Amino acid sequence: MLQDRADTLHVFIYAPQCERIARVRQRVPAENNPEELIRSMDRQRSEYIRIYFGCNWSDPHLYHMLISSEVGEDEVASIIIETIEGSENRRA
């Protein structure tokens, strides 16, 4: 929705498959097939973005930054905050 706005930061946070599986197992312990759940969710997300916004959600050119969640949630948040703050300082 905000793709054409100059005052937005587009970030794609990704994780290796093994980390995604571990998170599903932790958050949905009753799930017997976490790999299939992940594939299903990815298909749904991809389809939603394609239908409503006409683009491929995994296209890296849509984002200013791609960050691996392997660095940790706090670090991901810090990177994003520092980027926003740096951007604001450059505009001032």
PDB file of N, CA and C in Angstrom:
ATOM      1  N   MET A   1       0.811  -1.197   0.000  1.00  0.00           N
ATOM      2  CA  MET A   1       0.000   0.000   0.000  1.00  0.00           C
ATOM      3  C   MET A   1       0.850   1.255   0.000  1.00  0.00           C
ATOM      4  N   LEU A   2       1.977   1.213   0.643  1.00  0.00           N
ATOM      5  CA  LEU A   2       2.800   2.406   0.796  1.00  0.00           C
ATOM      6  C   LEU A   2       4.016   2.388  -0.128  1.00  0.00           C
ATOM      7  N   GLN A   3       4.005   1.532  -1.124  1.00  0.00           N
ATOM      8  CA  GLN A   3       5.166   1.344  -1.993  1.00  0.00           C
ATOM      9  C   GLN A   3       5.634   2.642  -2.645  1.00  0.00           C
ATOM     10  N   ASP A   4       4.740   3.519  -3.013  1.00  0.00           N
ATOM     11  CA  ASP A   4       5.118   4.734  -3.731  1.00  0.00           C
ATOM     12  C   ASP A   4       5.392   5.929  -2.821  1.00  0.00           C
ATOM     13  N   ARG A   5       5.302   5.739  -1.534  1.00  0.00           N
ATOM     14  CA  ARG A   5       5.533   6.851  -0.611  1.00  0.00           C
ATOM     15  C   ARG A   5       7.020   6.968  -0.290  1.00  0.00           C
ATOM     16  N   ALA A   6       7.518   8.187  -0.339  1.00  0.00           N
ATOM     17  CA  ALA A   6       8.934   8.431  -0.067  1.00  0.00           C
ATOM     18  C   ALA A   6       9.246   8.399   1.435  1.00  0.00           C
ATOM     19  N   ASP A   7       8.225   8.532   2.269  1.00  0.00           N
ATOM     20  CA  ASP A   7       8.445   8.592   3.714  1.00  0.00           C
ATOM     21  C   ASP A   7       8.229   7.248   4.404  1.00  0.00           C
ATOM     22  N   THR A   8       8.451   6.165   3.690  1.00  0.00           N
ATOM     23  CA  THR A   8       8.317   4.833   4.285  1.00  0.00           C
ATOM     24  C   THR A   8       9.615   4.054   4.132  1.00  0.00           C
ATOM     25  N   LEU A   9       9.802   3.101   5.002  1.00  0.00           N
ATOM     26  CA  LEU A   9      10.941   2.192   4.934  1.00  0.00           C
ATOM     27  C   LEU A   9      10.369   0.797   4.739  1.00  0.00           C
ATOM     28  N   HIS A  10      10.746   0.158   3.668  1.00  0.00           N
ATOM     29  CA  HIS A  10      10.232  -1.173   3.346  1.00  0.00           C
ATOM     30  C   HIS A  10      11.281  -2.215   3.754  1.00  0.00           C
ATOM     31  N   VAL A  11      10.891  -3.070   4.694  1.00  0.00           N
ATOM     32  CA  VAL A  11      11.815  -4.060   5.240  1.00  0.00           C
ATOM     33  C   VAL A  11      11.209  -5.449   5.095  1.00  0.00           C
ATOM     34  N   PHE A  12      12.012  -6.390   4.631  1.00  0.00           N
ATOM     35  CA  PHE A  12      11.614  -7.791   4.553  1.00  0.00           C
ATOM     36  C   PHE A  12      12.459  -8.547   5.555  1.00  0.00           C
ATOM     37  N   ILE A  13      11.817  -9.153   6.523  1.00  0.00           N
ATOM     38  CA  ILE A  13      12.517  -9.945   7.538  1.00  0.00           C
ATOM     39  C   ILE A  13      12.310 -11.408   7.189  1.00  0.00           C
ATOM     40  N   TYR A  14      13.400 -12.115   7.040  1.00  0.00           N
ATOM     41  CA  TYR A  14      13.337 -13.511   6.633  1.00  0.00           C
ATOM     42  C   TYR A  14      14.085 -14.387   7.631  1.00  0.00           C
ATOM     43  N   ALA A  15      13.844 -15.684   7.532  1.00  0.00           N
ATOM     44  CA  ALA A  15      14.507 -16.643   8.429  1.00  0.00           C
ATOM     45  C   ALA A  15      14.832 -17.907   7.655  1.00  0.00           C
ATOM     46  N   PRO A  16      15.921 -18.562   8.018  1.00  0.00           N
ATOM     47  CA  PRO A  16      16.219 -19.858   7.416  1.00  0.00           C
ATOM     48  C   PRO A  16      15.114 -20.861   7.767  1.00  0.00           C
ATOM     49  N   GLN A  17      14.935 -21.827   6.910  1.00  0.00           N
ATOM     50  CA  GLN A  17      13.859 -22.809   7.095  1.00  0.00           C
ATOM     51  C   GLN A  17      13.930 -23.489   8.466  1.00  0.00           C
ATOM     52  N   CYS A  18      15.110 -23.852   8.901  1.00  0.00           N
ATOM     53  CA  CYS A  18      15.225 -24.549  10.192  1.00  0.00           C
ATOM     54  C   CYS A  18      14.739 -23.664  11.345  1.00  0.00           C
ATOM     55  N   GLU A  19      15.005 -22.371  11.260  1.00  0.00           N
ATOM     56  CA  GLU A  19      14.531 -21.450  12.297  1.00  0.00           C
ATOM     57  C   GLU A  19      13.014 -21.299  12.230  1.00  0.00           C
ATOM     58  N   ARG A  20      12.472 -21.246  11.035  1.00  0.00           N
ATOM     59  CA  ARG A  20      11.021 -21.122  10.876  1.00  0.00           C
ATOM     60  C   ARG A  20      10.319 -22.359  11.443  1.00  0.00           C
ATOM     61  N   ILE A  21      10.866 -23.525  11.172  1.00  0.00           N
ATOM     62  CA  ILE A  21      10.293 -24.770  11.688  1.00  0.00           C
ATOM     63  C   ILE A  21      10.337 -24.771  13.217  1.00  0.00           C
ATOM     64  N   ALA A  22      11.461 -24.361  13.787  1.00  0.00           N
ATOM     65  CA  ALA A  22      11.591 -24.312  15.249  1.00  0.00           C
ATOM     66  C   ALA A  22      10.563 -23.356  15.857  1.00  0.00           C
ATOM     67  N   ARG A  23      10.332 -22.231  15.212  1.00  0.00           N
ATOM     68  CA  ARG A  23       9.337 -21.275  15.731  1.00  0.00           C
ATOM     69  C   ARG A  23       7.931 -21.843  15.672  1.00  0.00           C
ATOM     70  N   VAL A  24       7.607 -22.516  14.573  1.00  0.00           N
ATOM     71  CA  VAL A  24       6.275 -23.134  14.471  1.00  0.00           C
ATOM     72  C   VAL A  24       6.108 -24.178  15.562  1.00  0.00           C
ATOM     73  N   ARG A  25       7.121 -24.992  15.758  1.00  0.00           N
ATOM     74  CA  ARG A  25       7.040 -26.030  16.805  1.00  0.00           C
ATOM     75  C   ARG A  25       6.854 -25.418  18.183  1.00  0.00           C
ATOM     76  N   GLN A  26       7.471 -24.272  18.413  1.00  0.00           N
ATOM     77  CA  GLN A  26       7.344 -23.602  19.705  1.00  0.00           C
ATOM     78  C   GLN A  26       5.963 -22.961  19.853  1.00  0.00           C
ATOM     79  N   ARG A  27       5.481 -22.305  18.814  1.00  0.00           N
ATOM     80  CA  ARG A  27       4.232 -21.552  18.892  1.00  0.00           C
ATOM     81  C   ARG A  27       2.998 -22.411  18.691  1.00  0.00           C
ATOM     82  N   VAL A  28       3.127 -23.506  17.932  1.00  0.00           N
ATOM     83  CA  VAL A  28       1.987 -24.388  17.640  1.00  0.00           C
ATOM     84  C   VAL A  28       2.440 -25.828  17.903  1.00  0.00           C
ATOM     85  N   PRO A  29       2.608 -26.187  19.177  1.00  0.00           N
ATOM     86  CA  PRO A  29       3.155 -27.505  19.507  1.00  0.00           C
ATOM     87  C   PRO A  29       2.332 -28.674  18.966  1.00  0.00           C
ATOM     88  N   ALA A  30       1.046 -28.476  18.745  1.00  0.00           N
ATOM     89  CA  ALA A  30       0.184 -29.561  18.259  1.00  0.00           C
ATOM     90  C   ALA A  30       0.321 -29.779  16.746  1.00  0.00           C
ATOM     91  N   GLU A  31       1.031 -28.905  16.049  1.00  0.00           N
ATOM     92  CA  GLU A  31       1.186 -29.013  14.593  1.00  0.00           C
ATOM     93  C   GLU A  31       2.069 -30.212  14.249  1.00  0.00           C
ATOM     94  N   ASN A  32       1.510 -31.145  13.472  1.00  0.00           N
ATOM     95  CA  ASN A  32       2.234 -32.360  13.102  1.00  0.00           C
ATOM     96  C   ASN A  32       3.164 -32.165  11.914  1.00  0.00           C
ATOM     97  N   ASN A  33       2.871 -31.167  11.072  1.00  0.00           N
ATOM     98  CA  ASN A  33       3.677 -30.965   9.878  1.00  0.00           C
ATOM     99  C   ASN A  33       4.018 -29.477   9.738  1.00  0.00           C
ATOM    100  N   PRO A  34       5.002 -28.995  10.506  1.00  0.00           N
ATOM    101  CA  PRO A  34       5.324 -27.567  10.461  1.00  0.00           C
ATOM    102  C   PRO A  34       5.805 -27.109   9.082  1.00  0.00           C
ATOM    103  N   GLU A  35       6.479 -27.996   8.354  1.00  0.00           N
ATOM    104  CA  GLU A  35       6.960 -27.630   7.019  1.00  0.00           C
ATOM    105  C   GLU A  35       5.793 -27.301   6.092  1.00  0.00           C
ATOM    106  N   GLU A  36       4.752 -28.116   6.131  1.00  0.00           N
ATOM    107  CA  GLU A  36       3.592 -27.870   5.278  1.00  0.00           C
ATOM    108  C   GLU A  36       2.843 -26.612   5.717  1.00  0.00           C
ATOM    109  N   LEU A  37       2.745 -26.370   7.009  1.00  0.00           N
ATOM    110  CA  LEU A  37       2.102 -25.157   7.506  1.00  0.00           C
ATOM    111  C   LEU A  37       2.849 -23.925   6.991  1.00  0.00           C
ATOM    112  N   ILE A  38       4.163 -23.961   7.029  1.00  0.00           N
ATOM    113  CA  ILE A  38       4.972 -22.843   6.531  1.00  0.00           C
ATOM    114  C   ILE A  38       4.741 -22.652   5.035  1.00  0.00           C
ATOM    115  N   ARG A  39       4.773 -23.714   4.259  1.00  0.00           N
ATOM    116  CA  ARG A  39       4.528 -23.608   2.815  1.00  0.00           C
ATOM    117  C   ARG A  39       3.141 -23.036   2.536  1.00  0.00           C
ATOM    118  N   SER A  40       2.162 -23.500   3.286  1.00  0.00           N
ATOM    119  CA  SER A  40       0.794 -23.029   3.108  1.00  0.00           C
ATOM    120  C   SER A  40       0.677 -21.537   3.421  1.00  0.00           C
ATOM    121  N   MET A  41       1.265 -21.118   4.528  1.00  0.00           N
ATOM    122  CA  MET A  41       1.216 -19.703   4.909  1.00  0.00           C
ATOM    123  C   MET A  41       1.945 -18.841   3.877  1.00  0.00           C
ATOM    124  N   ASP A  42       3.080 -19.314   3.401  1.00  0.00           N
ATOM    125  CA  ASP A  42       3.822 -18.565   2.378  1.00  0.00           C
ATOM    126  C   ASP A  42       2.999 -18.424   1.098  1.00  0.00           C
ATOM    127  N   ARG A  43       2.322 -19.498   0.706  1.00  0.00           N
ATOM    128  CA  ARG A  43       1.464 -19.427  -0.487  1.00  0.00           C
ATOM    129  C   ARG A  43       0.352 -18.409  -0.291  1.00  0.00           C
ATOM    130  N   GLN A  44      -0.267 -18.423   0.887  1.00  0.00           N
ATOM    131  CA  GLN A  44      -1.355 -17.485   1.174  1.00  0.00           C
ATOM    132  C   GLN A  44      -0.849 -16.041   1.154  1.00  0.00           C
ATOM    133  N   ARG A  45       0.287 -15.794   1.776  1.00  0.00           N
ATOM    134  CA  ARG A  45       0.849 -14.443   1.789  1.00  0.00           C
ATOM    135  C   ARG A  45       1.190 -13.985   0.381  1.00  0.00           C
ATOM    136  N   SER A  46       1.829 -14.869  -0.357  1.00  0.00           N
ATOM    137  CA  SER A  46       2.218 -14.557  -1.725  1.00  0.00           C
ATOM    138  C   SER A  46       1.004 -14.234  -2.589  1.00  0.00           C
ATOM    139  N   GLU A  47      -0.012 -15.046  -2.467  1.00  0.00           N
ATOM    140  CA  GLU A  47      -1.228 -14.857  -3.257  1.00  0.00           C
ATOM    141  C   GLU A  47      -1.931 -13.548  -2.880  1.00  0.00           C
ATOM    142  N   TYR A  48      -2.002 -13.252  -1.610  1.00  0.00           N
ATOM    143  CA  TYR A  48      -2.642 -12.013  -1.149  1.00  0.00           C
ATOM    144  C   TYR A  48      -1.934 -10.795  -1.752  1.00  0.00           C
ATOM    145  N   ILE A  49      -0.618 -10.769  -1.641  1.00  0.00           N
ATOM    146  CA  ILE A  49       0.154  -9.639  -2.162  1.00  0.00           C
ATOM    147  C   ILE A  49       0.010  -9.547  -3.677  1.00  0.00           C
ATOM    148  N   ARG A  50       0.013 -10.683  -4.355  1.00  0.00           N
ATOM    149  CA  ARG A  50      -0.126 -10.696  -5.808  1.00  0.00           C
ATOM    150  C   ARG A  50      -1.493 -10.162  -6.237  1.00  0.00           C
ATOM    151  N   ILE A  51      -2.543 -10.634  -5.578  1.00  0.00           N
ATOM    152  CA  ILE A  51      -3.909 -10.228  -5.949  1.00  0.00           C
ATOM    153  C   ILE A  51      -4.168  -8.762  -5.638  1.00  0.00           C
ATOM    154  N   TYR A  52      -3.840  -8.322  -4.437  1.00  0.00           N
ATOM    155  CA  TYR A  52      -4.215  -6.984  -4.003  1.00  0.00           C
ATOM    156  C   TYR A  52      -3.211  -5.891  -4.369  1.00  0.00           C
ATOM    157  N   PHE A  53      -1.954  -6.270  -4.610  1.00  0.00           N
ATOM    158  CA  PHE A  53      -0.948  -5.250  -4.895  1.00  0.00           C
ATOM    159  C   PHE A  53      -0.194  -5.504  -6.200  1.00  0.00           C
ATOM    160  N   GLY A  54      -0.463  -6.630  -6.850  1.00  0.00           N
ATOM    161  CA  GLY A  54       0.116  -6.900  -8.154  1.00  0.00           C
ATOM    162  C   GLY A  54       1.615  -7.077  -8.181  1.00  0.00           C
ATOM    163  N   CYS A  55       2.175  -7.602  -7.097  1.00  0.00           N
ATOM    164  CA  CYS A  55       3.623  -7.821  -7.098  1.00  0.00           C
ATOM    165  C   CYS A  55       3.970  -9.110  -6.358  1.00  0.00           C
ATOM    166  N   ASN A  56       5.213  -9.500  -6.509  1.00  0.00           N
ATOM    167  CA  ASN A  56       5.732 -10.710  -5.889  1.00  0.00           C
ATOM    168  C   ASN A  56       6.350 -10.323  -4.547  1.00  0.00           C
ATOM    169  N   TRP A  57       5.778 -10.801  -3.458  1.00  0.00           N
ATOM    170  CA  TRP A  57       6.211 -10.391  -2.119  1.00  0.00           C
ATOM    171  C   TRP A  57       7.668 -10.721  -1.832  1.00  0.00           C
ATOM    172  N   SER A  58       8.261 -11.690  -2.545  1.00  0.00           N
ATOM    173  CA  SER A  58       9.655 -12.056  -2.282  1.00  0.00           C
ATOM    174  C   SER A  58      10.637 -11.341  -3.211  1.00  0.00           C
ATOM    175  N   ASP A  59      10.157 -10.386  -4.006  1.00  0.00           N
ATOM    176  CA  ASP A  59      11.040  -9.616  -4.884  1.00  0.00           C
ATOM    177  C   ASP A  59      11.872  -8.654  -4.037  1.00  0.00           C
ATOM    178  N   PRO A  60      13.178  -8.864  -3.960  1.00  0.00           N
ATOM    179  CA  PRO A  60      13.997  -8.002  -3.098  1.00  0.00           C
ATOM    180  C   PRO A  60      14.011  -6.535  -3.523  1.00  0.00           C
ATOM    181  N   HIS A  61      13.658  -6.249  -4.764  1.00  0.00           N
ATOM    182  CA  HIS A  61      13.646  -4.874  -5.245  1.00  0.00           C
ATOM    183  C   HIS A  61      12.501  -4.050  -4.656  1.00  0.00           C
ATOM    184  N   LEU A  62      11.580  -4.699  -3.979  1.00  0.00           N
ATOM    185  CA  LEU A  62      10.471  -3.984  -3.347  1.00  0.00           C
ATOM    186  C   LEU A  62      10.861  -3.386  -1.997  1.00  0.00           C
ATOM    187  N   TYR A  63      12.025  -3.752  -1.496  1.00  0.00           N
ATOM    188  CA  TYR A  63      12.405  -3.407  -0.128  1.00  0.00           C
ATOM    189  C   TYR A  63      13.682  -2.590  -0.087  1.00  0.00           C
ATOM    190  N   HIS A  64      13.779  -1.745   0.922  1.00  0.00           N
ATOM    191  CA  HIS A  64      15.011  -1.009   1.160  1.00  0.00           C
ATOM    192  C   HIS A  64      16.040  -1.909   1.852  1.00  0.00           C
ATOM    193  N   MET A  65      15.536  -2.827   2.686  1.00  0.00           N
ATOM    194  CA  MET A  65      16.415  -3.696   3.458  1.00  0.00           C
ATOM    195  C   MET A  65      15.817  -5.086   3.566  1.00  0.00           C
ATOM    196  N   LEU A  66      16.690  -6.070   3.566  1.00  0.00           N
ATOM    197  CA  LEU A  66      16.317  -7.448   3.879  1.00  0.00           C
ATOM    198  C   LEU A  66      17.166  -7.834   5.081  1.00  0.00           C
ATOM    199  N   ILE A  67      16.517  -8.323   6.128  1.00  0.00           N
ATOM    200  CA  ILE A  67      17.225  -8.647   7.369  1.00  0.00           C
ATOM    201  C   ILE A  67      16.895 -10.072   7.774  1.00  0.00           C
ATOM    202  N   SER A  68      17.925 -10.819   8.122  1.00  0.00           N
ATOM    203  CA  SER A  68      17.717 -12.172   8.623  1.00  0.00           C
ATOM    204  C   SER A  68      17.353 -12.111  10.103  1.00  0.00           C
ATOM    205  N   SER A  69      16.311 -12.817  10.472  1.00  0.00           N
ATOM    206  CA  SER A  69      15.894 -12.850  11.872  1.00  0.00           C
ATOM    207  C   SER A  69      16.887 -13.606  12.742  1.00  0.00           C
ATOM    208  N   GLU A  70      17.861 -14.252  12.113  1.00  0.00           N
ATOM    209  CA  GLU A  70      18.896 -14.963  12.871  1.00  0.00           C
ATOM    210  C   GLU A  70      19.662 -14.036  13.811  1.00  0.00           C
ATOM    211  N   VAL A  71      19.688 -12.742  13.501  1.00  0.00           N
ATOM    212  CA  VAL A  71      20.422 -11.811  14.359  1.00  0.00           C
ATOM    213  C   VAL A  71      19.684 -11.532  15.661  1.00  0.00           C
ATOM    214  N   GLY A  72      18.420 -11.937  15.742  1.00  0.00           N
ATOM    215  CA  GLY A  72      17.635 -11.762  16.959  1.00  0.00           C
ATOM    216  C   GLY A  72      16.638 -10.630  16.824  1.00  0.00           C
ATOM    217  N   GLU A  73      15.522 -10.774  17.515  1.00  0.00           N
ATOM    218  CA  GLU A  73      14.439  -9.784  17.419  1.00  0.00           C
ATOM    219  C   GLU A  73      14.885  -8.397  17.851  1.00  0.00           C
ATOM    220  N   ASP A  74      15.631  -8.314  18.944  1.00  0.00           N
ATOM    221  CA  ASP A  74      16.076  -7.004  19.426  1.00  0.00           C
ATOM    222  C   ASP A  74      17.007  -6.336  18.423  1.00  0.00           C
ATOM    223  N   GLU A  75      17.894  -7.109  17.827  1.00  0.00           N
ATOM    224  CA  GLU A  75      18.826  -6.557  16.847  1.00  0.00           C
ATOM    225  C   GLU A  75      18.096  -6.115  15.584  1.00  0.00           C
ATOM    226  N   VAL A  76      17.129  -6.903  15.140  1.00  0.00           N
ATOM    227  CA  VAL A  76      16.330  -6.512  13.968  1.00  0.00           C
ATOM    228  C   VAL A  76      15.641  -5.181  14.249  1.00  0.00           C
ATOM    229  N   ALA A  77      15.020  -5.074  15.402  1.00  0.00           N
ATOM    230  CA  ALA A  77      14.335  -3.823  15.770  1.00  0.00           C
ATOM    231  C   ALA A  77      15.330  -2.670  15.831  1.00  0.00           C
ATOM    232  N   SER A  78      16.504  -2.892  16.405  1.00  0.00           N
ATOM    233  CA  SER A  78      17.522  -1.837  16.495  1.00  0.00           C
ATOM    234  C   SER A  78      17.979  -1.376  15.116  1.00  0.00           C
ATOM    235  N   ILE A  79      18.196  -2.325  14.218  1.00  0.00           N
ATOM    236  CA  ILE A  79      18.626  -1.982  12.858  1.00  0.00           C
ATOM    237  C   ILE A  79      17.584  -1.107  12.179  1.00  0.00           C
ATOM    238  N   ILE A  80      16.329  -1.477  12.319  1.00  0.00           N
ATOM    239  CA  ILE A  80      15.252  -0.712  11.687  1.00  0.00           C
ATOM    240  C   ILE A  80      15.154   0.681  12.310  1.00  0.00           C
ATOM    241  N   ILE A  81      15.195   0.755  13.619  1.00  0.00           N
ATOM    242  CA  ILE A  81      15.107   2.053  14.306  1.00  0.00           C
ATOM    243  C   ILE A  81      16.282   2.945  13.922  1.00  0.00           C
ATOM    244  N   GLU A  82      17.497   2.395  13.924  1.00  0.00           N
ATOM    245  CA  GLU A  82      18.678   3.185  13.555  1.00  0.00           C
ATOM    246  C   GLU A  82      18.578   3.685  12.117  1.00  0.00           C
ATOM    247  N   THR A  83      18.044   2.869  11.240  1.00  0.00           N
ATOM    248  CA  THR A  83      17.884   3.277   9.843  1.00  0.00           C
ATOM    249  C   THR A  83      16.892   4.427   9.723  1.00  0.00           C
ATOM    250  N   ILE A  84      15.779   4.307  10.430  1.00  0.00           N
ATOM    251  CA  ILE A  84      14.771   5.374  10.398  1.00  0.00           C
ATOM    252  C   ILE A  84      15.345   6.664  10.978  1.00  0.00           C
ATOM    253  N   GLU A  85      16.001   6.551  12.119  1.00  0.00           N
ATOM    254  CA  GLU A  85      16.574   7.743  12.750  1.00  0.00           C
ATOM    255  C   GLU A  85      17.641   8.377  11.866  1.00  0.00           C
ATOM    256  N   GLY A  86      18.467   7.566  11.215  1.00  0.00           N
ATOM    257  CA  GLY A  86      19.482   8.094  10.304  1.00  0.00           C
ATOM    258  C   GLY A  86      18.849   8.785   9.124  1.00  0.00           C
ATOM    259  N   SER A  87      17.772   8.241   8.623  1.00  0.00           N
ATOM    260  CA  SER A  87      17.048   8.828   7.499  1.00  0.00           C
ATOM    261  C   SER A  87      16.455  10.179   7.902  1.00  0.00           C
ATOM    262  N   GLU A  88      15.902  10.243   9.095  1.00  0.00           N
ATOM    263  CA  GLU A  88      15.319  11.502   9.572  1.00  0.00           C
ATOM    264  C   GLU A  88      16.386  12.566   9.741  1.00  0.00           C
ATOM    265  N   ASN A  89      17.560  12.173  10.227  1.00  0.00           N
ATOM    266  CA  ASN A  89      18.648  13.127  10.395  1.00  0.00           C
ATOM    267  C   ASN A  89      19.140  13.668   9.056  1.00  0.00           C
ATOM    268  N   ARG A  90      19.149  12.834   8.022  1.00  0.00           N
ATOM    269  CA  ARG A  90      19.601  13.283   6.696  1.00  0.00           C
ATOM    270  C   ARG A  90      18.613  14.255   6.081  1.00  0.00           C
ATOM    271  N   ARG A  91      17.324  14.100   6.408  1.00  0.00           N
ATOM    272  CA  ARG A  91      16.301  14.990   5.849  1.00  0.00           C
ATOM    273  C   ARG A  91      16.256  16.331   6.566  1.00  0.00           C
ATOM    274  N   ALA A  92      16.720  16.363   7.805  1.00  0.00           N
ATOM    275  CA  ALA A  92      16.626  17.600   8.612  1.00  0.00           C
ATOM    276  C   ALA A  92      17.643  18.644   8.188  1.00  0.00           C
TER     277      ALA A  92
END
